[in-house]
């Protein structure tokens, strides 16, 4: 007998806000503690995200920027499914699975400055559920509409619980002008169930423009009235950690300045994917990892 889903979504004609069942910060093993200060932990627990300025120095950031640019040049015309084009312009919007396609990013996911934060917050060993570079080019980089990642990962990937986080490493300066990440503080404590059914292979559209699994306008306004909206701006090399259920999005980039970040989704090794909800077929491996899952071990970033 199947247990009742604690986070139903896309199953009715009405939206709702439901209670969160898991802690924001899990009990941390002694061997995984100490990366964050007490104040940083408190800020993450309260807001659902944490901005750490200048976590990577200029030399490291330049090295990562070059790797990011190299991937765009290599994959733009390769016809690979991991490459998502911007609607309209055809420019590269995102490249997925970068930790498996590129040795630099395979090394970066294990850097203790980010990996140990994930292990500390999630209270366990972790693996990469998803990785991607979002390029958001200047002049015509499109928006990412408001959403909770967990709503999608739970519905379309079968992620059981809210025991995952995203790590966004800024590879260019993120300013108020070029479409920085926007988050609603405190929204991670409220699960927003969304309206509408999920079409087969929805990822083929949603990775370009998400239209299914977006929050109801009234509920989004409610969350924003409670917590406000905060933009996460910073210099290249800064890092944003945010809970899998934090409501977030970003505006389009009509400035001349591209905004490029690399995202790693760390998931607890105890929170591996089950069957997607509603009888959906699993999304491809480059979007949601199911194969060869093993805990990551720390290793410092190596600069060639």
Protein backbone atom coordinates (compact mmCIF):
# COMPACT_ATOMS: atom_id res chain seq x y z
CA UNK A 1 0.00 0.00 0.00
CA UNK A 2 1.41 3.37 -1.01
CA UNK A 3 1.86 5.95 1.73
CA UNK A 4 0.06 9.26 1.39
CA UNK A 5 2.05 11.96 -0.36
CA UNK A 6 2.97 14.71 2.11
CA UNK A 7 3.47 17.17 -0.77
CA UNK A 8 0.72 16.68 -3.36
CA UNK A 9 0.80 18.98 -6.37
CA UNK A 10 -0.53 19.21 -9.92
CA UNK A 11 -3.45 16.97 -8.99
CA UNK A 12 -6.41 19.35 -8.78
CA UNK A 13 -7.80 22.64 -10.01
CA UNK A 14 -6.88 24.50 -6.85
CA UNK A 15 -3.58 25.63 -5.38
CA UNK A 16 -2.70 25.50 -1.69
CA UNK A 17 0.00 26.20 0.87
CA UNK A 18 1.00 23.19 2.96
CA UNK A 19 3.25 22.79 5.97
CA UNK A 20 6.87 21.73 5.64
CA UNK A 21 7.63 18.40 7.36
CA UNK A 22 11.43 18.46 7.52
CA UNK A 23 13.90 20.67 9.36
CA UNK A 24 15.76 23.33 7.40
CA UNK A 25 19.10 22.42 8.97
CA UNK A 26 19.50 18.77 9.93
CA UNK A 27 21.45 17.45 12.87
CA UNK A 28 25.05 17.67 11.72
CA UNK A 29 27.66 15.01 12.25
CA UNK A 30 30.68 16.28 14.15
CA UNK A 31 32.91 15.48 11.18
CA UNK A 32 30.77 17.70 8.93
CA UNK A 33 30.37 20.74 11.19
CA UNK A 34 32.32 23.97 11.28
CA UNK A 35 32.13 25.34 7.74
CA UNK A 36 29.48 27.90 8.71
CA UNK A 37 29.43 30.29 11.65
CA UNK A 38 26.54 30.24 14.10
CA UNK A 39 25.22 33.45 12.55
CA UNK A 40 25.38 32.02 9.03
CA UNK A 41 23.48 28.92 10.13
CA UNK A 42 20.84 31.10 11.80
CA UNK A 43 20.48 33.27 8.69
CA UNK A 44 20.09 30.22 6.43
CA UNK A 45 17.50 28.67 8.73
CA UNK A 46 15.51 31.89 8.95
CA UNK A 47 15.66 33.06 5.33
CA UNK A 48 16.16 29.83 3.39
CA UNK A 49 19.33 31.09 1.73
CA UNK A 50 22.78 32.47 2.45
CA UNK A 51 25.08 34.68 0.36
CA UNK A 52 28.79 34.20 1.03
CA UNK A 53 30.80 36.98 -0.67
CA UNK A 54 34.16 36.28 -2.34
CA UNK A 55 34.33 32.60 -1.40
CA UNK A 56 36.57 32.02 -4.42
CA UNK A 57 39.44 34.38 -5.17
CA UNK A 58 40.06 36.22 -8.44
CA UNK A 59 42.47 33.61 -9.82
CA UNK A 60 40.08 30.76 -9.09
CA UNK A 61 37.12 32.66 -10.49
CA UNK A 62 39.00 33.48 -13.68
CA UNK A 63 39.89 29.82 -14.10
CA UNK A 64 36.25 28.79 -13.64
CA UNK A 65 35.07 31.54 -15.99
CA UNK A 66 37.37 30.24 -18.73
CA UNK A 67 36.06 26.69 -18.21
CA UNK A 68 32.49 27.99 -18.45
CA UNK A 69 33.22 29.88 -21.66
CA UNK A 70 35.01 26.87 -23.08
CA UNK A 71 31.96 24.70 -22.50
CA UNK A 72 29.73 27.18 -24.32
CA UNK A 73 32.08 27.24 -27.32
CA UNK A 74 32.37 23.44 -27.34
CA UNK A 75 28.69 22.61 -26.96
CA UNK A 76 26.83 25.43 -28.75
CA UNK A 77 26.57 23.60 -32.07
CA UNK A 78 27.09 20.06 -30.82
CA UNK A 79 23.40 19.14 -30.91
CA UNK A 80 23.56 17.68 -27.42
CA UNK A 81 20.39 17.37 -25.28
CA UNK A 82 22.22 18.89 -22.30
CA UNK A 83 22.31 22.25 -24.12
CA UNK A 84 19.17 24.37 -23.67
CA UNK A 85 18.69 27.33 -26.03
CA UNK A 86 17.08 30.67 -25.19
CA UNK A 87 13.55 31.00 -26.61
CA UNK A 88 13.68 33.18 -29.68
CA UNK A 89 17.38 34.01 -29.94
CA UNK A 90 18.77 30.47 -29.92
CA UNK A 91 21.68 31.51 -27.70
CA UNK A 92 22.76 29.07 -25.01
CA UNK A 93 20.50 29.43 -21.97
CA UNK A 94 21.84 26.51 -19.92
CA UNK A 95 24.15 23.52 -20.10
CA UNK A 96 23.22 20.64 -17.81
CA UNK A 97 25.28 17.83 -16.29
CA UNK A 98 28.42 19.95 -16.27
CA UNK A 99 30.00 17.99 -13.39
CA UNK A 100 30.03 14.94 -15.66
CA UNK A 101 30.94 16.70 -18.89
CA UNK A 102 33.84 18.81 -17.65
CA UNK A 103 36.75 17.90 -15.35
CA UNK A 104 36.97 21.39 -13.85
CA UNK A 105 33.39 21.30 -12.61
CA UNK A 106 33.77 17.66 -11.55
CA UNK A 107 36.54 18.93 -9.27
CA UNK A 108 34.59 22.01 -8.19
CA UNK A 109 31.63 20.07 -6.76
CA UNK A 110 34.04 18.49 -4.26
CA UNK A 111 35.70 21.69 -3.07
CA UNK A 112 35.31 21.76 0.73
CA UNK A 113 34.12 25.38 0.71
CA UNK A 114 30.88 24.32 -0.97
CA UNK A 115 30.64 20.57 -0.38
CA UNK A 116 31.09 20.84 3.38
CA UNK A 117 28.40 23.50 3.62
CA UNK A 118 25.98 21.11 1.91
CA UNK A 119 26.98 18.26 4.20
CA UNK A 120 26.64 20.48 7.26
CA UNK A 121 23.19 21.80 6.38
CA UNK A 122 21.79 18.49 5.16
CA UNK A 123 23.36 16.54 8.02
CA UNK A 124 24.64 13.68 5.86
CA UNK A 125 26.82 12.71 2.97
CA UNK A 126 25.58 14.15 -0.31
CA UNK A 127 25.65 13.60 -4.07
CA UNK A 128 24.86 15.77 -7.08
CA UNK A 129 21.22 15.58 -8.10
CA UNK A 130 21.65 18.12 -10.90
CA UNK A 131 24.29 20.52 -12.21
CA UNK A 132 24.07 23.27 -14.79
CA UNK A 133 25.49 26.54 -16.02
CA UNK A 134 22.95 29.33 -16.59
CA UNK A 135 24.40 31.85 -19.02
CA UNK A 136 21.73 34.58 -19.30
CA UNK A 137 23.47 36.56 -22.09
CA UNK A 138 23.36 40.33 -22.29
CA UNK A 139 20.52 42.13 -24.08
CA UNK A 140 18.25 39.09 -24.54
CA UNK A 141 18.75 36.68 -21.64
CA UNK A 142 15.27 35.51 -20.66
CA UNK A 143 13.79 35.37 -17.19
CA UNK A 144 13.41 32.33 -14.92
CA UNK A 145 9.89 32.58 -13.50
CA UNK A 146 9.07 32.15 -9.80
CA UNK A 147 9.18 28.55 -8.62
CA UNK A 148 10.20 26.19 -5.86
CA UNK A 149 12.72 23.65 -7.14
CA UNK A 150 11.39 21.03 -4.74
CA UNK A 151 7.90 21.20 -6.23
CA UNK A 152 9.37 20.16 -9.58
CA UNK A 153 11.86 17.66 -8.20
CA UNK A 154 9.20 16.03 -6.03
CA UNK A 155 6.61 15.86 -8.80
CA UNK A 156 8.72 15.13 -11.88
CA UNK A 157 11.71 13.35 -10.30
CA UNK A 158 10.24 11.66 -7.21
CA UNK A 159 12.50 13.41 -4.68
CA UNK A 160 10.92 12.30 -1.39
CA UNK A 161 11.79 15.06 1.07
CA UNK A 162 13.11 18.61 1.39
CA UNK A 163 16.67 17.54 2.10
CA UNK A 164 18.51 19.17 -0.79
CA UNK A 165 20.02 22.57 -1.53
CA UNK A 166 21.34 24.54 -4.46
CA UNK A 167 24.76 26.14 -4.59
CA UNK A 168 25.08 28.98 -7.11
CA UNK A 169 28.66 30.08 -7.77
CA UNK A 170 28.80 33.48 -9.45
CA UNK A 171 31.15 33.37 -12.44
CA UNK A 172 30.41 36.96 -13.45
CA UNK A 173 29.38 39.93 -11.37
CA UNK A 174 25.66 39.74 -10.55
CA UNK A 175 24.21 43.26 -10.32
CA UNK A 176 20.72 44.69 -9.96
CA UNK A 177 20.84 45.37 -13.72
CA UNK A 178 21.62 41.95 -15.23
CA UNK A 179 18.90 39.71 -13.81
CA UNK A 180 20.28 38.45 -10.47
CA UNK A 181 18.68 35.70 -8.43
CA UNK A 182 15.64 36.90 -6.47
CA UNK A 183 14.42 34.99 -3.42
CA UNK A 184 11.53 35.32 -0.99
CA UNK A 185 12.90 35.08 2.57
CA UNK A 186 11.03 32.57 4.72
CA UNK A 187 9.19 30.99 1.78
CA UNK A 188 11.06 27.72 2.32
CA UNK A 189 8.80 27.02 5.30
CA UNK A 190 5.70 26.90 3.08
CA UNK A 191 5.11 24.29 0.37
CA UNK A 192 3.07 25.69 -2.51
CA UNK A 193 1.00 23.06 -4.28
CA UNK A 194 0.50 24.05 -7.91
CA UNK A 195 -2.39 23.65 -10.34
CA UNK A 196 -2.38 21.71 -13.59
CA UNK A 197 -1.27 18.32 -14.82
CA UNK A 198 2.26 17.60 -16.01
CA UNK A 199 2.54 16.78 -19.74
CA UNK A 200 4.80 13.95 -20.84
CA UNK A 201 8.40 15.11 -21.37
CA UNK A 202 7.54 18.46 -19.82
CA UNK A 203 11.25 19.18 -19.30
CA UNK A 204 11.67 19.86 -23.02
CA UNK A 205 9.56 23.00 -22.57
CA UNK A 206 10.08 23.81 -18.89
CA UNK A 207 13.87 24.14 -19.16
CA UNK A 208 13.30 26.89 -21.73
CA UNK A 209 10.26 28.46 -20.04
CA UNK A 210 8.49 27.00 -17.04
CA UNK A 211 4.70 27.06 -17.32
CA UNK A 212 3.71 24.00 -15.24
CA UNK A 213 4.58 23.97 -11.54
CA UNK A 214 4.54 27.73 -11.12
CA UNK A 215 2.90 29.24 -8.03
CA UNK A 216 -0.56 30.78 -8.00
CA UNK A 217 -0.40 34.59 -8.14
CA UNK A 218 -2.37 35.05 -4.91
CA UNK A 219 -0.20 32.60 -2.98
CA UNK A 220 2.97 34.14 -4.37
CA UNK A 221 1.76 37.57 -3.27
CA UNK A 222 1.02 36.13 0.17
CA UNK A 223 4.58 34.81 0.51
CA UNK A 224 6.07 38.07 -0.75
CA UNK A 225 3.94 40.07 1.68
CA UNK A 226 5.25 37.89 4.52
CA UNK A 227 8.94 37.89 3.61
CA UNK A 228 9.55 40.50 0.96
CA UNK A 229 11.79 39.92 -2.05
CA UNK A 230 15.55 40.03 -1.86
CA UNK A 231 18.00 40.17 -4.75
CA UNK A 232 21.32 38.36 -4.33
CA UNK A 233 23.94 40.54 -5.97
CA UNK A 234 27.67 40.08 -5.63
CA UNK A 235 31.04 39.95 -7.27
CA UNK A 236 32.24 36.96 -9.26
CA UNK A 237 33.47 34.33 -6.83
CA UNK A 238 30.62 34.84 -4.38
CA UNK A 239 28.33 31.90 -3.63
CA UNK A 240 24.62 31.62 -2.84
CA UNK A 241 23.34 28.57 -0.97
CA UNK A 242 19.56 28.17 -0.94
CA UNK A 243 17.09 25.59 0.30
CA UNK A 244 15.36 23.39 -2.27
CA UNK A 245 11.97 24.83 -1.31
CA UNK A 246 12.85 28.54 -1.32
CA UNK A 247 10.70 30.44 -3.82
CA UNK A 248 12.98 32.14 -6.34
CA UNK A 249 13.27 33.48 -9.86
CA UNK A 250 15.08 36.13 -11.88
CA UNK A 251 14.24 38.89 -14.32
CA UNK A 252 15.33 39.01 -17.95
CA UNK A 253 18.68 40.59 -18.74
CA UNK A 254 18.38 43.56 -21.06
CA UNK A 255 21.68 45.04 -19.88
CA UNK A 256 24.81 44.62 -22.02
CA UNK A 257 26.40 42.53 -19.26
CA UNK A 258 25.97 38.73 -19.21
CA UNK A 259 25.14 37.00 -15.93
CA UNK A 260 26.64 33.53 -15.78
CA UNK A 261 26.49 31.23 -12.74
CA UNK A 262 27.15 27.53 -12.18
CA UNK A 263 24.60 25.64 -10.09
CA UNK A 264 25.14 22.44 -8.15
CA UNK A 265 22.22 20.71 -6.46
CA UNK A 266 23.40 18.71 -3.48
CA UNK A 267 20.98 16.04 -2.28
CA UNK A 268 21.28 13.94 0.86
CA UNK A 269 22.41 10.40 0.17
CA UNK A 270 19.37 9.40 2.28
CA UNK A 271 16.99 11.27 -0.05
CA UNK A 272 17.55 9.51 -3.36
CA UNK A 273 14.87 9.66 -6.04
CA UNK A 274 11.82 7.44 -6.13
CA UNK A 275 9.31 7.08 -8.98
CA UNK A 276 7.95 10.39 -10.31
CA UNK A 277 4.44 11.30 -9.20
CA UNK A 278 1.42 10.74 -11.40
CA UNK A 279 2.91 7.90 -13.41
CA UNK A 280 5.35 10.13 -15.26
CA UNK A 281 8.43 8.65 -16.89
CA UNK A 282 11.68 9.68 -15.16
CA UNK A 283 13.38 12.73 -16.61
CA UNK A 284 16.72 12.09 -18.36
CA UNK A 285 19.83 11.42 -16.33
CA UNK A 286 21.36 14.76 -17.29
CA UNK A 287 18.44 16.52 -15.54
CA UNK A 288 17.95 14.24 -12.52
CA UNK A 289 20.65 11.78 -11.46
CA UNK A 290 19.67 8.21 -10.62
CA UNK A 291 22.66 6.20 -11.81
CA UNK A 292 25.99 5.58 -10.10
CA UNK A 293 25.02 7.49 -6.97
CA UNK A 294 27.78 7.73 -4.40
CA UNK A 295 28.75 10.15 -1.67
CA UNK A 296 31.12 12.95 -2.62
CA UNK A 297 34.41 13.29 -0.77
CA UNK A 298 36.11 16.69 -0.33
CA UNK A 299 39.01 17.66 -2.60
CA UNK A 300 40.38 21.19 -3.05
CA UNK A 301 39.91 22.97 -6.36
CA UNK A 302 42.92 22.44 -8.62
CA UNK A 303 43.95 25.20 -10.99
CA UNK A 304 45.92 24.10 -14.03
